[in-house]
Amino acid sequence: MKLEGMGELVRNLVEMGKLNPKDVRHIVRNAGQRIVSDAKARAAFSQSISRSIGFITKNDGQYPTSVLIGPQYPGGNLAHFFEYGTAPRFAKG
């Protein structure tokens, strides 16, 4: 068996009956808590953005072994500006 990524490892373990997708989600979520804590600490400049960072549960059924972490709306509605910046804007004169 040749494994190239974590996704393939998880699929193989699930197929072998050694791992349940819910167990995978639980393990990944526990490990991801460190990422959430770090992201909140780095966003301390804005309390609303810091509080909005967490696990995104949308599409859990479609991706049973994946966990998304990011800002939740409406509290994190400006987070993308801080993450990626903005382009200079000039008025036509």
C-alpha atoms as a PDB file:
ATOM      1  CA  MET A   1       0.000   0.000   0.000  1.00  0.00           C
ATOM      2  CA  LYS A   2       1.426   3.395  -1.002  1.00  0.00           C
ATOM      3  CA  LEU A   3       0.295   6.451   0.972  1.00  0.00           C
ATOM      4  CA  GLU A   4       0.856   9.981  -0.242  1.00  0.00           C
ATOM      5  CA  GLY A   5      -1.268  12.124   2.035  1.00  0.00           C
ATOM      6  CA  MET A   6      -3.290  12.238   5.216  1.00  0.00           C
ATOM      7  CA  GLY A   7      -6.556  11.965   3.263  1.00  0.00           C
ATOM      8  CA  GLU A   8      -5.443   8.734   1.677  1.00  0.00           C
ATOM      9  CA  LEU A   9      -4.347   7.352   5.052  1.00  0.00           C
ATOM     10  CA  VAL A  10      -7.725   8.157   6.574  1.00  0.00           C
ATOM     11  CA  ARG A  11      -9.604   6.573   3.634  1.00  0.00           C
ATOM     12  CA  ASN A  12      -7.526   3.400   3.913  1.00  0.00           C
ATOM     13  CA  LEU A  13      -8.080   3.119   7.670  1.00  0.00           C
ATOM     14  CA  VAL A  14     -11.831   3.682   7.257  1.00  0.00           C
ATOM     15  CA  GLU A  15     -11.986   1.041   4.503  1.00  0.00           C
ATOM     16  CA  MET A  16     -10.122  -1.424   6.717  1.00  0.00           C
ATOM     17  CA  GLY A  17     -12.673  -0.837   9.478  1.00  0.00           C
ATOM     18  CA  LYS A  18     -10.001   0.441  11.815  1.00  0.00           C
ATOM     19  CA  LEU A  19     -11.308   3.983  12.017  1.00  0.00           C
ATOM     20  CA  ASN A  20     -14.711   5.609  12.095  1.00  0.00           C
ATOM     21  CA  PRO A  21     -15.086   9.014  10.324  1.00  0.00           C
ATOM     22  CA  LYS A  22     -16.546  10.462  13.533  1.00  0.00           C
ATOM     23  CA  ASP A  23     -13.414   9.367  15.402  1.00  0.00           C
ATOM     24  CA  VAL A  24     -11.262  11.090  12.781  1.00  0.00           C
ATOM     25  CA  ARG A  25     -13.245  14.320  13.126  1.00  0.00           C
ATOM     26  CA  HIS A  26     -12.910  14.171  16.916  1.00  0.00           C
ATOM     27  CA  ILE A  27      -9.130  13.639  16.705  1.00  0.00           C
ATOM     28  CA  VAL A  28      -8.634  16.403  14.138  1.00  0.00           C
ATOM     29  CA  ARG A  29     -10.839  18.796  16.092  1.00  0.00           C
ATOM     30  CA  ASN A  30      -8.878  18.214  19.285  1.00  0.00           C
ATOM     31  CA  ALA A  31      -5.603  18.794  17.441  1.00  0.00           C
ATOM     32  CA  GLY A  32      -7.071  21.859  15.724  1.00  0.00           C
ATOM     33  CA  GLN A  33      -7.843  23.528  19.028  1.00  0.00           C
ATOM     34  CA  ARG A  34      -4.197  24.670  19.174  1.00  0.00           C
ATOM     35  CA  ILE A  35      -4.618  26.354  15.778  1.00  0.00           C
ATOM     36  CA  VAL A  36      -7.782  28.115  16.943  1.00  0.00           C
ATOM     37  CA  SER A  37      -6.033  29.354  20.094  1.00  0.00           C
ATOM     38  CA  ASP A  38      -3.034  30.605  18.110  1.00  0.00           C
ATOM     39  CA  ALA A  39      -5.250  32.378  15.553  1.00  0.00           C
ATOM     40  CA  LYS A  40      -7.228  34.075  18.328  1.00  0.00           C
ATOM     41  CA  ALA A  41      -3.994  35.263  19.961  1.00  0.00           C
ATOM     42  CA  ARG A  42      -2.718  36.684  16.659  1.00  0.00           C
ATOM     43  CA  ALA A  43      -6.017  38.523  16.115  1.00  0.00           C
ATOM     44  CA  ALA A  44      -5.916  40.195  19.534  1.00  0.00           C
ATOM     45  CA  PHE A  45      -5.906  43.618  17.824  1.00  0.00           C
ATOM     46  CA  SER A  46      -9.661  43.175  17.238  1.00  0.00           C
ATOM     47  CA  GLN A  47     -11.835  41.559  19.877  1.00  0.00           C
ATOM     48  CA  SER A  48     -14.708  40.940  17.468  1.00  0.00           C
ATOM     49  CA  ILE A  49     -12.456  39.100  15.000  1.00  0.00           C
ATOM     50  CA  SER A  50     -10.680  37.197  17.778  1.00  0.00           C
ATOM     51  CA  ARG A  51     -13.995  36.023  19.248  1.00  0.00           C
ATOM     52  CA  SER A  52     -15.293  35.004  15.816  1.00  0.00           C
ATOM     53  CA  ILE A  53     -12.476  32.523  15.088  1.00  0.00           C
ATOM     54  CA  GLY A  54     -13.482  28.908  15.577  1.00  0.00           C
ATOM     55  CA  PHE A  55     -14.549  25.712  13.878  1.00  0.00           C
ATOM     56  CA  ILE A  56     -16.815  26.166  10.868  1.00  0.00           C
ATOM     57  CA  THR A  57     -19.432  23.414  10.871  1.00  0.00           C
ATOM     58  CA  LYS A  58     -21.022  24.110   7.484  1.00  0.00           C
ATOM     59  CA  ASN A  59     -20.919  21.037   5.163  1.00  0.00           C
ATOM     60  CA  ASP A  60     -19.948  18.615   7.950  1.00  0.00           C
ATOM     61  CA  GLY A  61     -21.948  15.848   6.274  1.00  0.00           C
ATOM     62  CA  GLN A  62     -20.246  16.372   2.926  1.00  0.00           C
ATOM     63  CA  TYR A  63     -16.727  16.251   4.437  1.00  0.00           C
ATOM     64  CA  PRO A  64     -16.952  13.840   7.388  1.00  0.00           C
ATOM     65  CA  THR A  65     -13.209  13.717   8.114  1.00  0.00           C
ATOM     66  CA  SER A  66     -12.364  17.408   7.556  1.00  0.00           C
ATOM     67  CA  VAL A  67     -12.450  20.360   9.915  1.00  0.00           C
ATOM     68  CA  LEU A  68     -12.487  24.003   8.801  1.00  0.00           C
ATOM     69  CA  ILE A  69     -11.154  26.788  11.006  1.00  0.00           C
ATOM     70  CA  GLY A  70     -11.800  30.459  10.341  1.00  0.00           C
ATOM     71  CA  PRO A  71     -13.789  33.557  11.234  1.00  0.00           C
ATOM     72  CA  GLN A  72     -17.504  33.144  11.637  1.00  0.00           C
ATOM     73  CA  TYR A  73     -19.850  35.867  10.500  1.00  0.00           C
ATOM     74  CA  PRO A  74     -21.063  38.471  11.341  1.00  0.00           C
ATOM     75  CA  GLY A  75     -18.322  39.009  13.982  1.00  0.00           C
ATOM     76  CA  GLY A  76     -15.532  38.208  11.562  1.00  0.00           C
ATOM     77  CA  ASN A  77     -16.887  40.070   8.565  1.00  0.00           C
ATOM     78  CA  LEU A  78     -13.738  42.234   8.257  1.00  0.00           C
ATOM     79  CA  ALA A  79     -11.210  39.459   8.866  1.00  0.00           C
ATOM     80  CA  HIS A  80     -10.360  39.017   5.190  1.00  0.00           C
ATOM     81  CA  PHE A  81      -9.207  42.663   5.013  1.00  0.00           C
ATOM     82  CA  PHE A  82      -6.711  42.072   7.815  1.00  0.00           C
ATOM     83  CA  GLU A  83      -5.622  38.733   6.366  1.00  0.00           C
ATOM     84  CA  TYR A  84      -5.106  39.782   2.751  1.00  0.00           C
ATOM     85  CA  GLY A  85      -4.968  43.590   2.895  1.00  0.00           C
ATOM     86  CA  THR A  86      -6.616  46.025   0.539  1.00  0.00           C
ATOM     87  CA  ALA A  87      -5.500  47.554  -2.731  1.00  0.00           C
ATOM     88  CA  PRO A  88      -4.911  51.307  -2.930  1.00  0.00           C
ATOM     89  CA  ARG A  89      -7.935  53.131  -4.261  1.00  0.00           C
ATOM     90  CA  PHE A  90      -7.809  56.363  -6.196  1.00  0.00           C
ATOM     91  CA  ALA A  91     -10.680  58.687  -7.103  1.00  0.00           C
ATOM     92  CA  LYS A  92     -11.010  59.653 -10.729  1.00  0.00           C
ATOM     93  CA  GLY A  93     -10.401  63.343 -11.022  1.00  0.00           C
END
